[in-house]
């Protein structure tokens, strides 16, 4: 991820699929618990929106982190201004 970001990867790129998620949404929903927080931190540091909703279902990064039971990631997201979907 770091290499992609160093070469200009767009942290706000929207997936061309029905969920229309951004990289932070995908990271927070990932099953890779060992790397979720580290990748999320890189994305947030690069300007990812902590309240970006997926267009396909309205899920925000914090919603996904909490659904995974990942409290450290949820805490990081809250520190960066994330909120749950209303």
Foldseek 3Di string as FASTA:
>chain_A
DLVCVVVPDDQQQFDPDLQRDGPLQCLLLDPPLVCSQVVNVVSVVSPHDQADAGPNPGFGSLNNNVVSVNVVSNVVSVVSPHDGDD
